[in-house]
Amino acid sequence: MINILNEIWYKFVIFITRWLFLLLGGRIFGTHHIPRTGGAIIASNHQSYLDPVFLSGGLQRPLHFLARQELFEANRFFGGLIRSLKAVPLERRRFNSEGIRKTIAYLGGGELFLVFPEGTRTRNGQIQPFKPGIITMALKAGVPIIPTRIIGTYEVWPRTSILPKRWHPIKIIYGKPIAINPNLSAQEICRELYDNISQL
């Protein structure tokens, strides 16, 4: 029963988010690149706390995402809210953590998972260097990575602001999936992914 209520709540929030996003002039491109079935990683730049819910609202499939452990512990209400929206806690200092194992399991089970390769929100609106952990997850789960770019949420709610500041047009672009080449190093694949997202 609890699982059913959770799914109803998730679908309700995503429905409201999608229509609010569109009514306020948000634009979404490239959803045809998202596979209808099977596991895949949505790899996006990270501008704001708003990114996961807007990126989820642009899809027809549920989207899980990683969030640092401290967000669940600092505020029980906020932690419960993001957990209800399919967030999985991540201990950022431990790659071999329960959050990573859950992510790989979800991906192997055919789910979509949102990962921010920067590891944290941008401080200045620019895309920051990527961390290679996302490549290891993709290789272990045997899934493609979909380069994704979100534009405008930094202007709405930058990390320097406690609350959202103002509305600003938001654009989401889903790129063509990248098949991971195991013959390349994680750093080389990260550079390719970074270039793909930067050019969207």
C-alpha atoms as a PDB file:
ATOM      1  CA  MET A   1       0.000   0.000   0.000  1.00  0.00           C
ATOM      2  CA  ILE A   2       2.815   2.420   0.897  1.00  0.00           C
ATOM      3  CA  ASN A   3       4.532   1.717  -2.438  1.00  0.00           C
ATOM      4  CA  ILE A   4       1.314   2.433  -4.319  1.00  0.00           C
ATOM      5  CA  LEU A   5       0.848   5.742  -2.493  1.00  0.00           C
ATOM      6  CA  ASN A   6       4.472   6.657  -3.188  1.00  0.00           C
ATOM      7  CA  GLU A   7       3.987   6.028  -6.902  1.00  0.00           C
ATOM      8  CA  ILE A   8       0.781   8.090  -6.956  1.00  0.00           C
ATOM      9  CA  TRP A   9       2.571  10.940  -5.166  1.00  0.00           C
ATOM     10  CA  TYR A  10       5.540  10.762  -7.544  1.00  0.00           C
ATOM     11  CA  LYS A  11       3.316  10.824 -10.643  1.00  0.00           C
ATOM     12  CA  PHE A  12       1.301  13.728  -9.207  1.00  0.00           C
ATOM     13  CA  VAL A  13       4.410  15.832  -8.492  1.00  0.00           C
ATOM     14  CA  ILE A  14       5.907  15.100 -11.912  1.00  0.00           C
ATOM     15  CA  PHE A  15       2.605  15.914 -13.655  1.00  0.00           C
ATOM     16  CA  ILE A  16       2.347  19.274 -11.876  1.00  0.00           C
ATOM     17  CA  THR A  17       6.016  20.031 -12.497  1.00  0.00           C
ATOM     18  CA  ARG A  18       5.754  19.245 -16.210  1.00  0.00           C
ATOM     19  CA  TRP A  19       2.766  21.517 -16.769  1.00  0.00           C
ATOM     20  CA  LEU A  20       4.153  24.315 -14.621  1.00  0.00           C
ATOM     21  CA  PHE A  21       7.433  24.078 -16.530  1.00  0.00           C
ATOM     22  CA  LEU A  22       5.659  24.326 -19.897  1.00  0.00           C
ATOM     23  CA  LEU A  23       3.229  27.054 -18.834  1.00  0.00           C
ATOM     24  CA  LEU A  24       6.157  29.206 -17.692  1.00  0.00           C
ATOM     25  CA  GLY A  25       7.860  28.879 -21.065  1.00  0.00           C
ATOM     26  CA  GLY A  26      10.206  25.962 -20.421  1.00  0.00           C
ATOM     27  CA  ARG A  27      11.370  24.052 -23.472  1.00  0.00           C
ATOM     28  CA  ILE A  28      12.461  20.425 -23.815  1.00  0.00           C
ATOM     29  CA  PHE A  29      14.420  18.968 -26.723  1.00  0.00           C
ATOM     30  CA  GLY A  30      15.693  15.512 -27.640  1.00  0.00           C
ATOM     31  CA  THR A  31      13.347  13.286 -25.636  1.00  0.00           C
ATOM     32  CA  HIS A  32      13.442  10.849 -28.579  1.00  0.00           C
ATOM     33  CA  HIS A  33      16.961   9.976 -27.419  1.00  0.00           C
ATOM     34  CA  ILE A  34      15.608   8.506 -24.171  1.00  0.00           C
ATOM     35  CA  PRO A  35      15.114   4.721 -24.557  1.00  0.00           C
ATOM     36  CA  ARG A  36      11.569   3.549 -23.881  1.00  0.00           C
ATOM     37  CA  THR A  37      12.878   0.544 -21.968  1.00  0.00           C
ATOM     38  CA  GLY A  38      16.144  -0.571 -20.397  1.00  0.00           C
ATOM     39  CA  GLY A  39      18.625   1.059 -18.077  1.00  0.00           C
ATOM     40  CA  ALA A  40      20.464   4.262 -18.936  1.00  0.00           C
ATOM     41  CA  ILE A  41      22.252   7.086 -17.153  1.00  0.00           C
ATOM     42  CA  ILE A  42      21.046  10.630 -17.718  1.00  0.00           C
ATOM     43  CA  ALA A  43      24.272  12.642 -17.278  1.00  0.00           C
ATOM     44  CA  SER A  44      23.501  16.326 -16.760  1.00  0.00           C
ATOM     45  CA  ASN A  45      25.261  19.490 -15.711  1.00  0.00           C
ATOM     46  CA  HIS A  46      24.130  20.660 -12.273  1.00  0.00           C
ATOM     47  CA  GLN A  47      22.963  24.251 -11.784  1.00  0.00           C
ATOM     48  CA  SER A  48      20.402  24.158  -8.987  1.00  0.00           C
ATOM     49  CA  TYR A  49      18.350  22.160  -6.491  1.00  0.00           C
ATOM     50  CA  LEU A  50      15.602  22.418  -9.122  1.00  0.00           C
ATOM     51  CA  ASP A  51      17.435  20.274 -11.670  1.00  0.00           C
ATOM     52  CA  PRO A  52      16.256  16.775 -10.613  1.00  0.00           C
ATOM     53  CA  VAL A  53      12.553  17.618 -10.545  1.00  0.00           C
ATOM     54  CA  PHE A  54      12.615  19.510 -13.877  1.00  0.00           C
ATOM     55  CA  LEU A  55      14.685  16.803 -15.560  1.00  0.00           C
ATOM     56  CA  SER A  56      12.241  14.188 -14.234  1.00  0.00           C
ATOM     57  CA  GLY A  57       9.286  16.240 -15.460  1.00  0.00           C
ATOM     58  CA  GLY A  58      10.605  16.157 -19.005  1.00  0.00           C
ATOM     59  CA  LEU A  59      10.398  12.362 -19.223  1.00  0.00           C
ATOM     60  CA  GLN A  60       7.690   9.750 -19.589  1.00  0.00           C
ATOM     61  CA  ARG A  61       9.620   7.267 -17.420  1.00  0.00           C
ATOM     62  CA  PRO A  62      10.455   7.468 -13.700  1.00  0.00           C
ATOM     63  CA  LEU A  63      13.895   8.909 -13.001  1.00  0.00           C
ATOM     64  CA  HIS A  64      15.949   8.055  -9.922  1.00  0.00           C
ATOM     65  CA  PHE A  65      18.779  10.355  -8.864  1.00  0.00           C
ATOM     66  CA  LEU A  66      21.672  10.528  -6.428  1.00  0.00           C
ATOM     67  CA  ALA A  67      21.704  13.124  -3.656  1.00  0.00           C
ATOM     68  CA  ARG A  68      24.384  13.581  -1.044  1.00  0.00           C
ATOM     69  CA  GLN A  69      23.744  11.951   2.325  1.00  0.00           C
ATOM     70  CA  GLU A  70      23.831  15.291   4.181  1.00  0.00           C
ATOM     71  CA  LEU A  71      20.638  16.466   2.426  1.00  0.00           C
ATOM     72  CA  PHE A  72      18.713  13.602   4.019  1.00  0.00           C
ATOM     73  CA  GLU A  73      20.138  14.259   7.468  1.00  0.00           C
ATOM     74  CA  ALA A  74      20.074  18.069   7.715  1.00  0.00           C
ATOM     75  CA  ASN A  75      16.307  18.415   7.347  1.00  0.00           C
ATOM     76  CA  ARG A  76      13.971  15.452   7.842  1.00  0.00           C
ATOM     77  CA  PHE A  77      11.161  17.042   5.816  1.00  0.00           C
ATOM     78  CA  PHE A  78      13.420  17.839   2.858  1.00  0.00           C
ATOM     79  CA  GLY A  79      15.071  14.437   3.098  1.00  0.00           C
ATOM     80  CA  GLY A  80      11.690  12.714   3.063  1.00  0.00           C
ATOM     81  CA  LEU A  81      10.551  14.853   0.137  1.00  0.00           C
ATOM     82  CA  ILE A  82      13.489  14.058  -2.128  1.00  0.00           C
ATOM     83  CA  ARG A  83      13.350  10.384  -1.123  1.00  0.00           C
ATOM     84  CA  SER A  84       9.693  10.335  -2.233  1.00  0.00           C
ATOM     85  CA  LEU A  85      10.888  11.725  -5.578  1.00  0.00           C
ATOM     86  CA  LYS A  86      13.225   8.739  -6.001  1.00  0.00           C
ATOM     87  CA  ALA A  87      16.432  10.196  -4.570  1.00  0.00           C
ATOM     88  CA  VAL A  88      19.076   7.731  -3.372  1.00  0.00           C
ATOM     89  CA  PRO A  89      21.540   8.859  -0.639  1.00  0.00           C
ATOM     90  CA  LEU A  90      25.193   9.012  -1.634  1.00  0.00           C
ATOM     91  CA  GLU A  91      28.217   9.161   0.649  1.00  0.00           C
ATOM     92  CA  ARG A  92      30.414  11.322  -1.555  1.00  0.00           C
ATOM     93  CA  ARG A  93      33.710  10.295   0.076  1.00  0.00           C
ATOM     94  CA  ARG A  94      33.089   6.579  -0.519  1.00  0.00           C
ATOM     95  CA  PHE A  95      32.662   5.394  -4.093  1.00  0.00           C
ATOM     96  CA  ASN A  96      31.915   1.836  -2.992  1.00  0.00           C
ATOM     97  CA  SER A  97      28.919   2.989  -0.975  1.00  0.00           C
ATOM     98  CA  GLU A  98      25.390   1.660  -0.615  1.00  0.00           C
ATOM     99  CA  GLY A  99      24.150   4.481  -2.868  1.00  0.00           C
ATOM    100  CA  ILE A 100      26.445   3.413  -5.704  1.00  0.00           C
ATOM    101  CA  ARG A 101      25.475  -0.245  -5.310  1.00  0.00           C
ATOM    102  CA  LYS A 102      21.788   0.703  -5.423  1.00  0.00           C
ATOM    103  CA  THR A 103      22.377   2.820  -8.510  1.00  0.00           C
ATOM    104  CA  ILE A 104      24.053  -0.037 -10.367  1.00  0.00           C
ATOM    105  CA  ALA A 105      21.268  -2.391  -9.276  1.00  0.00           C
ATOM    106  CA  TYR A 106      18.573   0.025 -10.507  1.00  0.00           C
ATOM    107  CA  LEU A 107      20.367   0.433 -13.832  1.00  0.00           C
ATOM    108  CA  GLY A 108      20.791  -3.310 -14.202  1.00  0.00           C
ATOM    109  CA  GLY A 109      17.076  -3.689 -13.520  1.00  0.00           C
ATOM    110  CA  GLY A 110      16.234  -1.447 -16.473  1.00  0.00           C
ATOM    111  CA  GLU A 111      15.697   1.882 -14.666  1.00  0.00           C
ATOM    112  CA  LEU A 112      16.716   5.402 -15.643  1.00  0.00           C
ATOM    113  CA  PHE A 113      19.114   7.130 -13.286  1.00  0.00           C
ATOM    114  CA  LEU A 114      20.140  10.778 -13.173  1.00  0.00           C
ATOM    115  CA  VAL A 115      23.778  11.457 -12.299  1.00  0.00           C
ATOM    116  CA  PHE A 116      25.533  14.822 -12.093  1.00  0.00           C
ATOM    117  CA  PRO A 117      29.161  14.176 -13.171  1.00  0.00           C
ATOM    118  CA  GLU A 118      30.282  17.490 -11.635  1.00  0.00           C
ATOM    119  CA  GLY A 119      29.415  16.027  -8.228  1.00  0.00           C
ATOM    120  CA  THR A 120      27.877  19.265  -6.929  1.00  0.00           C
ATOM    121  CA  ARG A 121      26.044  22.395  -8.084  1.00  0.00           C
ATOM    122  CA  THR A 122      28.017  24.916 -10.107  1.00  0.00           C
ATOM    123  CA  ARG A 123      29.264  27.974  -8.243  1.00  0.00           C
ATOM    124  CA  ASN A 124      29.223  30.338 -11.225  1.00  0.00           C
ATOM    125  CA  GLY A 125      26.820  28.905 -13.800  1.00  0.00           C
ATOM    126  CA  GLN A 126      29.621  27.268 -15.811  1.00  0.00           C
ATOM    127  CA  ILE A 127      30.004  23.522 -16.253  1.00  0.00           C
ATOM    128  CA  GLN A 128      32.661  22.257 -13.828  1.00  0.00           C
ATOM    129  CA  PRO A 129      35.143  19.373 -14.441  1.00  0.00           C
ATOM    130  CA  PHE A 130      33.617  15.888 -14.331  1.00  0.00           C
ATOM    131  CA  LYS A 131      34.428  13.113 -11.878  1.00  0.00           C
ATOM    132  CA  PRO A 132      35.060   9.639 -13.401  1.00  0.00           C
ATOM    133  CA  GLY A 133      32.723   7.694 -11.081  1.00  0.00           C
ATOM    134  CA  ILE A 134      29.878   7.906 -13.594  1.00  0.00           C
ATOM    135  CA  ILE A 135      31.964   5.968 -16.123  1.00  0.00           C
ATOM    136  CA  THR A 136      32.571   3.131 -13.667  1.00  0.00           C
ATOM    137  CA  MET A 137      28.832   2.919 -12.938  1.00  0.00           C
ATOM    138  CA  ALA A 138      27.966   2.781 -16.642  1.00  0.00           C
ATOM    139  CA  LEU A 139      30.549   0.056 -17.284  1.00  0.00           C
ATOM    140  CA  LYS A 140      29.475  -2.063 -14.316  1.00  0.00           C
ATOM    141  CA  ALA A 141      25.789  -1.779 -15.203  1.00  0.00           C
ATOM    142  CA  GLY A 142      26.396  -2.147 -18.948  1.00  0.00           C
ATOM    143  CA  VAL A 143      24.240   0.850 -19.869  1.00  0.00           C
ATOM    144  CA  PRO A 144      24.641   3.879 -22.171  1.00  0.00           C
ATOM    145  CA  ILE A 145      25.058   7.449 -20.972  1.00  0.00           C
ATOM    146  CA  ILE A 146      22.720  10.138 -22.295  1.00  0.00           C
ATOM    147  CA  PRO A 147      24.434  13.561 -22.270  1.00  0.00           C
ATOM    148  CA  THR A 148      21.970  16.173 -21.037  1.00  0.00           C
ATOM    149  CA  ARG A 149      22.121  19.897 -20.497  1.00  0.00           C
ATOM    150  CA  ILE A 150      19.840  22.076 -18.387  1.00  0.00           C
ATOM    151  CA  ILE A 151      19.989  25.848 -18.860  1.00  0.00           C
ATOM    152  CA  GLY A 152      18.362  28.545 -16.742  1.00  0.00           C
ATOM    153  CA  THR A 153      17.969  26.982 -13.300  1.00  0.00           C
ATOM    154  CA  TYR A 154      21.148  28.695 -12.083  1.00  0.00           C
ATOM    155  CA  GLU A 155      19.465  32.047 -12.693  1.00  0.00           C
ATOM    156  CA  VAL A 156      16.354  30.883 -10.812  1.00  0.00           C
ATOM    157  CA  TRP A 157      18.092  29.370  -7.785  1.00  0.00           C
ATOM    158  CA  PRO A 158      21.905  29.602  -7.587  1.00  0.00           C
ATOM    159  CA  ARG A 159      23.726  27.887  -4.739  1.00  0.00           C
ATOM    160  CA  THR A 160      24.535  31.291  -3.225  1.00  0.00           C
ATOM    161  CA  SER A 161      20.814  31.898  -2.564  1.00  0.00           C
ATOM    162  CA  ILE A 162      18.826  30.287   0.269  1.00  0.00           C
ATOM    163  CA  LEU A 163      15.576  30.536  -1.720  1.00  0.00           C
ATOM    164  CA  PRO A 164      14.717  30.892  -5.426  1.00  0.00           C
ATOM    165  CA  LYS A 165      15.376  34.436  -6.664  1.00  0.00           C
ATOM    166  CA  ARG A 166      13.287  34.933  -9.801  1.00  0.00           C
ATOM    167  CA  TRP A 167      11.819  33.089 -12.740  1.00  0.00           C
ATOM    168  CA  HIS A 168      13.970  32.618 -15.820  1.00  0.00           C
ATOM    169  CA  PRO A 169      13.267  30.598 -18.994  1.00  0.00           C
ATOM    170  CA  ILE A 170      14.590  27.059 -18.651  1.00  0.00           C
ATOM    171  CA  LYS A 171      15.709  24.764 -21.431  1.00  0.00           C
ATOM    172  CA  ILE A 172      16.470  21.032 -21.251  1.00  0.00           C
ATOM    173  CA  ILE A 173      18.307  19.218 -24.035  1.00  0.00           C
ATOM    174  CA  TYR A 174      18.733  15.412 -24.102  1.00  0.00           C
ATOM    175  CA  GLY A 175      21.544  14.351 -26.437  1.00  0.00           C
ATOM    176  CA  LYS A 176      22.311  11.202 -28.369  1.00  0.00           C
ATOM    177  CA  PRO A 177      23.293   8.247 -26.117  1.00  0.00           C
ATOM    178  CA  ILE A 178      26.985   7.469 -25.760  1.00  0.00           C
ATOM    179  CA  ALA A 179      28.048   3.815 -25.752  1.00  0.00           C
ATOM    180  CA  ILE A 180      30.975   3.397 -23.366  1.00  0.00           C
ATOM    181  CA  ASN A 181      34.176   2.215 -25.045  1.00  0.00           C
ATOM    182  CA  PRO A 182      35.987   0.004 -22.498  1.00  0.00           C
ATOM    183  CA  ASN A 183      39.258   0.530 -24.380  1.00  0.00           C
ATOM    184  CA  LEU A 184      39.318   4.202 -23.396  1.00  0.00           C
ATOM    185  CA  SER A 185      40.293   5.454 -19.960  1.00  0.00           C
ATOM    186  CA  ALA A 186      37.677   6.933 -17.642  1.00  0.00           C
ATOM    187  CA  GLN A 187      39.340  10.343 -18.060  1.00  0.00           C
ATOM    188  CA  GLU A 188      39.082  10.127 -21.871  1.00  0.00           C
ATOM    189  CA  ILE A 189      35.408   9.174 -21.700  1.00  0.00           C
ATOM    190  CA  CYS A 190      34.780  11.994 -19.212  1.00  0.00           C
ATOM    191  CA  ARG A 191      36.317  14.471 -21.644  1.00  0.00           C
ATOM    192  CA  GLU A 192      34.094  13.134 -24.448  1.00  0.00           C
ATOM    193  CA  LEU A 193      31.023  13.384 -22.221  1.00  0.00           C
ATOM    194  CA  TYR A 194      31.985  16.890 -21.086  1.00  0.00           C
ATOM    195  CA  ASP A 195      32.373  18.018 -24.694  1.00  0.00           C
ATOM    196  CA  ASN A 196      29.021  16.473 -25.658  1.00  0.00           C
ATOM    197  CA  ILE A 197      27.143  18.230 -22.853  1.00  0.00           C
ATOM    198  CA  SER A 198      28.931  21.552 -23.431  1.00  0.00           C
ATOM    199  CA  GLN A 199      27.916  21.530 -27.104  1.00  0.00           C
ATOM    200  CA  LEU A 200      24.206  20.839 -26.491  1.00  0.00           C
END
